[in-house]
Amino acid sequence: MLLLAAEPLAVEPRAAIPEADPGRARIGFGLGLVKTLSSIYPGYAPTFTGTVIGGSWGLVCGFVCGAVIALIYNYLQGLCAQWD
């Protein structure tokens, strides 16, 4: 069997990625997420008032989801207790 040596792959050098200045915020970073969340939670915006409104929505949604999960858990726990 004859083995032929493969030519080494030509690897392009990595392009230099400019380092972000840690003391400087990137303008516009995260605006897509804010736009998406504001379409779900009315009143949410990148302002102080919008942050308070968004936090209130988060508390309400977290409470409701937690209550639903707790109800499902307790229901399933009751079903398992009947089998014992």
PDB file of N, CA and C in Angstrom:
ATOM      1  N   MET A   1       0.847  -1.152   0.000  1.00  0.00           N
ATOM      2  CA  MET A   1       0.000   0.000   0.000  1.00  0.00           C
ATOM      3  C   MET A   1       0.899   1.224   0.000  1.00  0.00           C
ATOM      4  N   LEU A   2       0.580   2.130  -0.845  1.00  0.00           N
ATOM      5  CA  LEU A   2       1.378   3.331  -0.987  1.00  0.00           C
ATOM      6  C   LEU A   2       0.673   4.485  -0.281  1.00  0.00           C
ATOM      7  N   LEU A   3       1.339   5.110   0.683  1.00  0.00           N
ATOM      8  CA  LEU A   3       0.779   6.259   1.402  1.00  0.00           C
ATOM      9  C   LEU A   3       1.391   7.529   0.850  1.00  0.00           C
ATOM     10  N   LEU A   4       0.551   8.453   0.507  1.00  0.00           N
ATOM     11  CA  LEU A   4       1.032   9.731   0.009  1.00  0.00           C
ATOM     12  C   LEU A   4       0.948  10.745   1.136  1.00  0.00           C
ATOM     13  N   ALA A   5       1.997  11.517   1.251  1.00  0.00           N
ATOM     14  CA  ALA A   5       2.011  12.544   2.295  1.00  0.00           C
ATOM     15  C   ALA A   5       1.106  13.688   1.865  1.00  0.00           C
ATOM     16  N   ALA A   6       0.214  14.064   2.747  1.00  0.00           N
ATOM     17  CA  ALA A   6      -0.695  15.173   2.458  1.00  0.00           C
ATOM     18  C   ALA A   6       0.039  16.481   2.655  1.00  0.00           C
ATOM     19  N   GLU A   7      -0.306  17.437   1.845  1.00  0.00           N
ATOM     20  CA  GLU A   7       0.298  18.752   2.010  1.00  0.00           C
ATOM     21  C   GLU A   7      -0.286  19.391   3.266  1.00  0.00           C
ATOM     22  N   PRO A   8       0.522  20.120   4.006  1.00  0.00           N
ATOM     23  CA  PRO A   8      -0.016  20.764   5.207  1.00  0.00           C
ATOM     24  C   PRO A   8      -1.039  21.828   4.819  1.00  0.00           C
ATOM     25  N   LEU A   9      -2.059  21.936   5.647  1.00  0.00           N
ATOM     26  CA  LEU A   9      -3.105  22.910   5.384  1.00  0.00           C
ATOM     27  C   LEU A   9      -2.572  24.316   5.593  1.00  0.00           C
ATOM     28  N   ALA A  10      -2.937  25.196   4.703  1.00  0.00           N
ATOM     29  CA  ALA A  10      -2.554  26.586   4.856  1.00  0.00           C
ATOM     30  C   ALA A  10      -3.517  27.222   5.851  1.00  0.00           C
ATOM     31  N   VAL A  11      -3.016  27.652   6.964  1.00  0.00           N
ATOM     32  CA  VAL A  11      -3.845  28.247   8.008  1.00  0.00           C
ATOM     33  C   VAL A  11      -3.639  29.749   7.980  1.00  0.00           C
ATOM     34  N   GLU A  12      -4.748  30.441   7.848  1.00  0.00           N
ATOM     35  CA  GLU A  12      -4.684  31.899   7.857  1.00  0.00           C
ATOM     36  C   GLU A  12      -4.428  32.362   9.285  1.00  0.00           C
ATOM     37  N   PRO A  13      -3.579  33.350   9.447  1.00  0.00           N
ATOM     38  CA  PRO A  13      -3.392  33.873  10.806  1.00  0.00           C
ATOM     39  C   PRO A  13      -4.673  34.523  11.293  1.00  0.00           C
ATOM     40  N   ARG A  14      -4.911  34.415  12.582  1.00  0.00           N
ATOM     41  CA  ARG A  14      -6.123  34.980  13.153  1.00  0.00           C
ATOM     42  C   ARG A  14      -6.111  36.489  13.008  1.00  0.00           C
ATOM     43  N   ALA A  15      -7.239  37.000  12.623  1.00  0.00           N
ATOM     44  CA  ALA A  15      -7.357  38.446  12.499  1.00  0.00           C
ATOM     45  C   ALA A  15      -7.287  39.060  13.887  1.00  0.00           C
ATOM     46  N   ALA A  16      -6.622  40.152  13.969  1.00  0.00           N
ATOM     47  CA  ALA A  16      -6.501  40.820  15.257  1.00  0.00           C
ATOM     48  C   ALA A  16      -7.865  41.378  15.666  1.00  0.00           C
ATOM     49  N   ILE A  17      -8.319  40.962  16.825  1.00  0.00           N
ATOM     50  CA  ILE A  17      -9.597  41.439  17.349  1.00  0.00           C
ATOM     51  C   ILE A  17      -9.288  42.617  18.260  1.00  0.00           C
ATOM     52  N   PRO A  18      -9.854  43.758  17.969  1.00  0.00           N
ATOM     53  CA  PRO A  18      -9.550  44.902  18.834  1.00  0.00           C
ATOM     54  C   PRO A  18     -10.076  44.657  20.241  1.00  0.00           C
ATOM     55  N   GLU A  19      -9.248  44.912  21.197  1.00  0.00           N
ATOM     56  CA  GLU A  19      -9.626  44.717  22.596  1.00  0.00           C
ATOM     57  C   GLU A  19     -10.523  45.872  23.030  1.00  0.00           C
ATOM     58  N   ALA A  20     -11.570  45.542  23.727  1.00  0.00           N
ATOM     59  CA  ALA A  20     -12.484  46.569  24.231  1.00  0.00           C
ATOM     60  C   ALA A  20     -11.851  47.237  25.436  1.00  0.00           C
ATOM     61  N   ASP A  21     -12.027  48.521  25.522  1.00  0.00           N
ATOM     62  CA  ASP A  21     -11.539  49.268  26.665  1.00  0.00           C
ATOM     63  C   ASP A  21     -12.460  48.965  27.845  1.00  0.00           C
ATOM     64  N   PRO A  22     -11.932  48.357  28.925  1.00  0.00           N
ATOM     65  CA  PRO A  22     -12.818  47.959  30.032  1.00  0.00           C
ATOM     66  C   PRO A  22     -13.480  49.133  30.730  1.00  0.00           C
ATOM     67  N   GLY A  23     -12.939  50.325  30.591  1.00  0.00           N
ATOM     68  CA  GLY A  23     -13.528  51.477  31.255  1.00  0.00           C
ATOM     69  C   GLY A  23     -14.566  52.188  30.409  1.00  0.00           C
ATOM     70  N   ARG A  24     -14.855  51.641  29.233  1.00  0.00           N
ATOM     71  CA  ARG A  24     -15.774  52.317  28.317  1.00  0.00           C
ATOM     72  C   ARG A  24     -16.901  51.374  27.905  1.00  0.00           C
ATOM     73  N   ALA A  25     -18.111  51.810  28.046  1.00  0.00           N
ATOM     74  CA  ALA A  25     -19.256  50.989  27.668  1.00  0.00           C
ATOM     75  C   ALA A  25     -19.443  51.043  26.157  1.00  0.00           C
ATOM     76  N   ARG A  26     -19.935  49.961  25.611  1.00  0.00           N
ATOM     77  CA  ARG A  26     -20.235  49.945  24.191  1.00  0.00           C
ATOM     78  C   ARG A  26     -21.641  50.482  23.994  1.00  0.00           C
ATOM     79  N   ILE A  27     -21.744  51.544  23.233  1.00  0.00           N
ATOM     80  CA  ILE A  27     -23.036  52.178  22.995  1.00  0.00           C
ATOM     81  C   ILE A  27     -23.903  51.250  22.140  1.00  0.00           C
ATOM     82  N   GLY A  28     -25.132  51.040  22.564  1.00  0.00           N
ATOM     83  CA  GLY A  28     -26.061  50.228  21.792  1.00  0.00           C
ATOM     84  C   GLY A  28     -26.013  48.746  22.119  1.00  0.00           C
ATOM     85  N   PHE A  29     -25.115  48.317  22.996  1.00  0.00           N
ATOM     86  CA  PHE A  29     -25.025  46.899  23.331  1.00  0.00           C
ATOM     87  C   PHE A  29     -26.258  46.479  24.114  1.00  0.00           C
ATOM     88  N   GLY A  30     -26.967  45.476  23.650  1.00  0.00           N
ATOM     89  CA  GLY A  30     -28.134  44.954  24.348  1.00  0.00           C
ATOM     90  C   GLY A  30     -29.451  45.599  23.966  1.00  0.00           C
ATOM     91  N   LEU A  31     -29.427  46.528  23.013  1.00  0.00           N
ATOM     92  CA  LEU A  31     -30.686  47.171  22.638  1.00  0.00           C
ATOM     93  C   LEU A  31     -31.651  46.200  21.974  1.00  0.00           C
ATOM     94  N   GLY A  32     -31.135  45.182  21.298  1.00  0.00           N
ATOM     95  CA  GLY A  32     -32.009  44.172  20.711  1.00  0.00           C
ATOM     96  C   GLY A  32     -32.780  43.414  21.777  1.00  0.00           C
ATOM     97  N   LEU A  33     -32.094  43.084  22.880  1.00  0.00           N
ATOM     98  CA  LEU A  33     -32.762  42.399  23.986  1.00  0.00           C
ATOM     99  C   LEU A  33     -33.803  43.301  24.633  1.00  0.00           C
ATOM    100  N   VAL A  34     -33.460  44.571  24.810  1.00  0.00           N
ATOM    101  CA  VAL A  34     -34.414  45.517  25.406  1.00  0.00           C
ATOM    102  C   VAL A  34     -35.641  45.655  24.515  1.00  0.00           C
ATOM    103  N   LYS A  35     -35.429  45.703  23.195  1.00  0.00           N
ATOM    104  CA  LYS A  35     -36.560  45.826  22.261  1.00  0.00           C
ATOM    105  C   LYS A  35     -37.457  44.594  22.344  1.00  0.00           C
ATOM    106  N   THR A  36     -36.845  43.410  22.440  1.00  0.00           N
ATOM    107  CA  THR A  36     -37.629  42.180  22.547  1.00  0.00           C
ATOM    108  C   THR A  36     -38.410  42.133  23.861  1.00  0.00           C
ATOM    109  N   LEU A  37     -37.739  42.458  24.962  1.00  0.00           N
ATOM    110  CA  LEU A  37     -38.422  42.423  26.260  1.00  0.00           C
ATOM    111  C   LEU A  37     -39.516  43.479  26.350  1.00  0.00           C
ATOM    112  N   SER A  38     -39.303  44.631  25.723  1.00  0.00           N
ATOM    113  CA  SER A  38     -40.341  45.664  25.782  1.00  0.00           C
ATOM    114  C   SER A  38     -41.553  45.286  24.947  1.00  0.00           C
ATOM    115  N   SER A  39     -41.391  44.365  23.997  1.00  0.00           N
ATOM    116  CA  SER A  39     -42.569  43.896  23.257  1.00  0.00           C
ATOM    117  C   SER A  39     -43.363  42.885  24.081  1.00  0.00           C
ATOM    118  N   ILE A  40     -42.728  42.267  25.057  1.00  0.00           N
ATOM    119  CA  ILE A  40     -43.407  41.304  25.924  1.00  0.00           C
ATOM    120  C   ILE A  40     -43.970  41.998  27.169  1.00  0.00           C
ATOM    121  N   TYR A  41     -43.172  42.876  27.764  1.00  0.00           N
ATOM    122  CA  TYR A  41     -43.552  43.573  29.000  1.00  0.00           C
ATOM    123  C   TYR A  41     -43.811  45.047  28.698  1.00  0.00           C
ATOM    124  N   PRO A  42     -45.074  45.467  28.636  1.00  0.00           N
ATOM    125  CA  PRO A  42     -45.383  46.872  28.358  1.00  0.00           C
ATOM    126  C   PRO A  42     -44.784  47.786  29.432  1.00  0.00           C
ATOM    127  N   GLY A  43     -44.147  48.861  28.988  1.00  0.00           N
ATOM    128  CA  GLY A  43     -43.571  49.828  29.908  1.00  0.00           C
ATOM    129  C   GLY A  43     -42.096  49.627  30.152  1.00  0.00           C
ATOM    130  N   TYR A  44     -41.554  48.455  29.795  1.00  0.00           N
ATOM    131  CA  TYR A  44     -40.134  48.191  30.008  1.00  0.00           C
ATOM    132  C   TYR A  44     -39.317  49.002  29.014  1.00  0.00           C
ATOM    133  N   ALA A  45     -38.310  49.718  29.500  1.00  0.00           N
ATOM    134  CA  ALA A  45     -37.461  50.550  28.647  1.00  0.00           C
ATOM    135  C   ALA A  45     -36.116  50.739  29.347  1.00  0.00           C
ATOM    136  N   PRO A  46     -35.091  51.171  28.618  1.00  0.00           N
ATOM    137  CA  PRO A  46     -33.787  51.386  29.250  1.00  0.00           C
ATOM    138  C   PRO A  46     -33.719  52.726  29.986  1.00  0.00           C
ATOM    139  N   THR A  47     -34.690  52.975  30.826  1.00  0.00           N
ATOM    140  CA  THR A  47     -34.715  54.166  31.679  1.00  0.00           C
ATOM    141  C   THR A  47     -34.945  53.707  33.113  1.00  0.00           C
ATOM    142  N   PHE A  48     -34.823  54.630  34.055  1.00  0.00           N
ATOM    143  CA  PHE A  48     -35.050  54.247  35.449  1.00  0.00           C
ATOM    144  C   PHE A  48     -36.484  53.782  35.661  1.00  0.00           C
ATOM    145  N   THR A  49     -37.442  54.542  35.135  1.00  0.00           N
ATOM    146  CA  THR A  49     -38.849  54.174  35.277  1.00  0.00           C
ATOM    147  C   THR A  49     -39.133  52.848  34.578  1.00  0.00           C
ATOM    148  N   GLY A  50     -38.566  52.672  33.382  1.00  0.00           N
ATOM    149  CA  GLY A  50     -38.749  51.426  32.657  1.00  0.00           C
ATOM    150  C   GLY A  50     -38.149  50.236  33.383  1.00  0.00           C
ATOM    151  N   THR A  51     -37.048  50.474  34.086  1.00  0.00           N
ATOM    152  CA  THR A  51     -36.425  49.406  34.864  1.00  0.00           C
ATOM    153  C   THR A  51     -37.311  48.990  36.033  1.00  0.00           C
ATOM    154  N   VAL A  52     -37.928  49.970  36.688  1.00  0.00           N
ATOM    155  CA  VAL A  52     -38.841  49.666  37.797  1.00  0.00           C
ATOM    156  C   VAL A  52     -40.051  48.887  37.278  1.00  0.00           C
ATOM    157  N   ILE A  53     -40.589  49.319  36.151  1.00  0.00           N
ATOM    158  CA  ILE A  53     -41.735  48.616  35.553  1.00  0.00           C
ATOM    159  C   ILE A  53     -41.332  47.208  35.142  1.00  0.00           C
ATOM    160  N   GLY A  54     -40.164  47.053  34.509  1.00  0.00           N
ATOM    161  CA  GLY A  54     -39.690  45.727  34.100  1.00  0.00           C
ATOM    162  C   GLY A  54     -39.430  44.820  35.292  1.00  0.00           C
ATOM    163  N   GLY A  55     -38.889  45.389  36.368  1.00  0.00           N
ATOM    164  CA  GLY A  55     -38.682  44.595  37.581  1.00  0.00           C
ATOM    165  C   GLY A  55     -39.985  44.132  38.196  1.00  0.00           C
ATOM    166  N   SER A  56     -40.999  45.015  38.140  1.00  0.00           N
ATOM    167  CA  SER A  56     -42.327  44.637  38.652  1.00  0.00           C
ATOM    168  C   SER A  56     -42.919  43.504  37.820  1.00  0.00           C
ATOM    169  N   TRP A  57     -42.787  43.606  36.501  1.00  0.00           N
ATOM    170  CA  TRP A  57     -43.248  42.515  35.635  1.00  0.00           C
ATOM    171  C   TRP A  57     -42.516  41.217  35.963  1.00  0.00           C
ATOM    172  N   GLY A  58     -41.222  41.313  36.194  1.00  0.00           N
ATOM    173  CA  GLY A  58     -40.441  40.119  36.529  1.00  0.00           C
ATOM    174  C   GLY A  58     -40.902  39.473  37.829  1.00  0.00           C
ATOM    175  N   LEU A  59     -41.203  40.299  38.835  1.00  0.00           N
ATOM    176  CA  LEU A  59     -41.697  39.762  40.108  1.00  0.00           C
ATOM    177  C   LEU A  59     -43.043  39.070  39.929  1.00  0.00           C
ATOM    178  N   VAL A  60     -43.938  39.699  39.177  1.00  0.00           N
ATOM    179  CA  VAL A  60     -45.265  39.111  38.958  1.00  0.00           C
ATOM    180  C   VAL A  60     -45.138  37.792  38.188  1.00  0.00           C
ATOM    181  N   CYS A  61     -44.365  37.804  37.100  1.00  0.00           N
ATOM    182  CA  CYS A  61     -44.205  36.578  36.297  1.00  0.00           C
ATOM    183  C   CYS A  61     -43.518  35.473  37.099  1.00  0.00           C
ATOM    184  N   GLY A  62     -42.521  35.848  37.884  1.00  0.00           N
ATOM    185  CA  GLY A  62     -41.842  34.859  38.717  1.00  0.00           C
ATOM    186  C   GLY A  62     -42.764  34.260  39.760  1.00  0.00           C
ATOM    187  N   PHE A  63     -43.619  35.105  40.365  1.00  0.00           N
ATOM    188  CA  PHE A  63     -44.565  34.605  41.359  1.00  0.00           C
ATOM    189  C   PHE A  63     -45.569  33.649  40.727  1.00  0.00           C
ATOM    190  N   VAL A  64     -46.123  34.042  39.583  1.00  0.00           N
ATOM    191  CA  VAL A  64     -47.128  33.204  38.918  1.00  0.00           C
ATOM    192  C   VAL A  64     -46.509  31.876  38.478  1.00  0.00           C
ATOM    193  N   CYS A  65     -45.349  31.930  37.844  1.00  0.00           N
ATOM    194  CA  CYS A  65     -44.698  30.686  37.391  1.00  0.00           C
ATOM    195  C   CYS A  65     -44.313  29.801  38.572  1.00  0.00           C
ATOM    196  N   GLY A  66     -43.810  30.401  39.638  1.00  0.00           N
ATOM    197  CA  GLY A  66     -43.471  29.634  40.827  1.00  0.00           C
ATOM    198  C   GLY A  66     -44.681  28.981  41.463  1.00  0.00           C
ATOM    199  N   ALA A  67     -45.808  29.713  41.494  1.00  0.00           N
ATOM    200  CA  ALA A  67     -47.038  29.155  42.058  1.00  0.00           C
ATOM    201  C   ALA A  67     -47.558  27.988  41.217  1.00  0.00           C
ATOM    202  N   VAL A  68     -47.489  28.129  39.898  1.00  0.00           N
ATOM    203  CA  VAL A  68     -47.944  27.043  39.018  1.00  0.00           C
ATOM    204  C   VAL A  68     -47.059  25.813  39.195  1.00  0.00           C
ATOM    205  N   ILE A  69     -45.761  26.010  39.244  1.00  0.00           N
ATOM    206  CA  ILE A  69     -44.843  24.875  39.440  1.00  0.00           C
ATOM    207  C   ILE A  69     -45.085  24.223  40.798  1.00  0.00           C
ATOM    208  N   ALA A  70     -45.332  25.031  41.845  1.00  0.00           N
ATOM    209  CA  ALA A  70     -45.595  24.473  43.174  1.00  0.00           C
ATOM    210  C   ALA A  70     -46.901  23.684  43.180  1.00  0.00           C
ATOM    211  N   LEU A  71     -47.932  24.175  42.504  1.00  0.00           N
ATOM    212  CA  LEU A  71     -49.198  23.447  42.436  1.00  0.00           C
ATOM    213  C   LEU A  71     -49.037  22.106  41.713  1.00  0.00           C
ATOM    214  N   ILE A  72     -48.324  22.124  40.614  1.00  0.00           N
ATOM    215  CA  ILE A  72     -48.084  20.873  39.879  1.00  0.00           C
ATOM    216  C   ILE A  72     -47.279  19.900  40.731  1.00  0.00           C
ATOM    217  N   TYR A  73     -46.264  20.409  41.407  1.00  0.00           N
ATOM    218  CA  TYR A  73     -45.434  19.549  42.263  1.00  0.00           C
ATOM    219  C   TYR A  73     -46.272  18.939  43.389  1.00  0.00           C
ATOM    220  N   ASN A  74     -47.069  19.760  44.044  1.00  0.00           N
ATOM    221  CA  ASN A  74     -47.892  19.256  45.148  1.00  0.00           C
ATOM    222  C   ASN A  74     -48.928  18.246  44.655  1.00  0.00           C
ATOM    223  N   TYR A  75     -49.500  18.483  43.485  1.00  0.00           N
ATOM    224  CA  TYR A  75     -50.452  17.542  42.922  1.00  0.00           C
ATOM    225  C   TYR A  75     -49.787  16.203  42.647  1.00  0.00           C
ATOM    226  N   LEU A  76     -48.621  16.231  42.018  1.00  0.00           N
ATOM    227  CA  LEU A  76     -47.901  14.978  41.721  1.00  0.00           C
ATOM    228  C   LEU A  76     -47.433  14.293  42.998  1.00  0.00           C
ATOM    229  N   GLN A  77     -47.067  15.096  43.996  1.00  0.00           N
ATOM    230  CA  GLN A  77     -46.640  14.524  45.274  1.00  0.00           C
ATOM    231  C   GLN A  77     -47.818  13.809  45.939  1.00  0.00           C
ATOM    232  N   GLY A  78     -49.015  14.371  45.819  1.00  0.00           N
ATOM    233  CA  GLY A  78     -50.220  13.738  46.374  1.00  0.00           C
ATOM    234  C   GLY A  78     -50.550  12.426  45.647  1.00  0.00           C
ATOM    235  N   LEU A  79     -50.341  12.405  44.331  1.00  0.00           N
ATOM    236  CA  LEU A  79     -50.567  11.164  43.571  1.00  0.00           C
ATOM    237  C   LEU A  79     -49.596  10.083  44.002  1.00  0.00           C
ATOM    238  N   CYS A  80     -48.348  10.462  44.215  1.00  0.00           N
ATOM    239  CA  CYS A  80     -47.352   9.468  44.636  1.00  0.00           C
ATOM    240  C   CYS A  80     -47.638   8.962  46.040  1.00  0.00           C
ATOM    241  N   ALA A  81     -48.181   9.824  46.908  1.00  0.00           N
ATOM    242  CA  ALA A  81     -48.493   9.407  48.286  1.00  0.00           C
ATOM    243  C   ALA A  81     -49.639   8.395  48.302  1.00  0.00           C
ATOM    244  N   GLN A  82     -50.529   8.461  47.321  1.00  0.00           N
ATOM    245  CA  GLN A  82     -51.632   7.507  47.253  1.00  0.00           C
ATOM    246  C   GLN A  82     -51.150   6.117  46.915  1.00  0.00           C
ATOM    247  N   TRP A  83     -50.062   5.985  46.200  1.00  0.00           N
ATOM    248  CA  TRP A  83     -49.544   4.684  45.792  1.00  0.00           C
ATOM    249  C   TRP A  83     -48.832   3.954  46.915  1.00  0.00           C
ATOM    250  N   ASP A  84     -48.413   4.704  47.945  1.00  0.00           N
ATOM    251  CA  ASP A  84     -47.666   4.065  49.054  1.00  0.00           C
ATOM    252  C   ASP A  84     -48.551   3.318  49.970  1.00  0.00           C
TER     253      ASP A  84
END
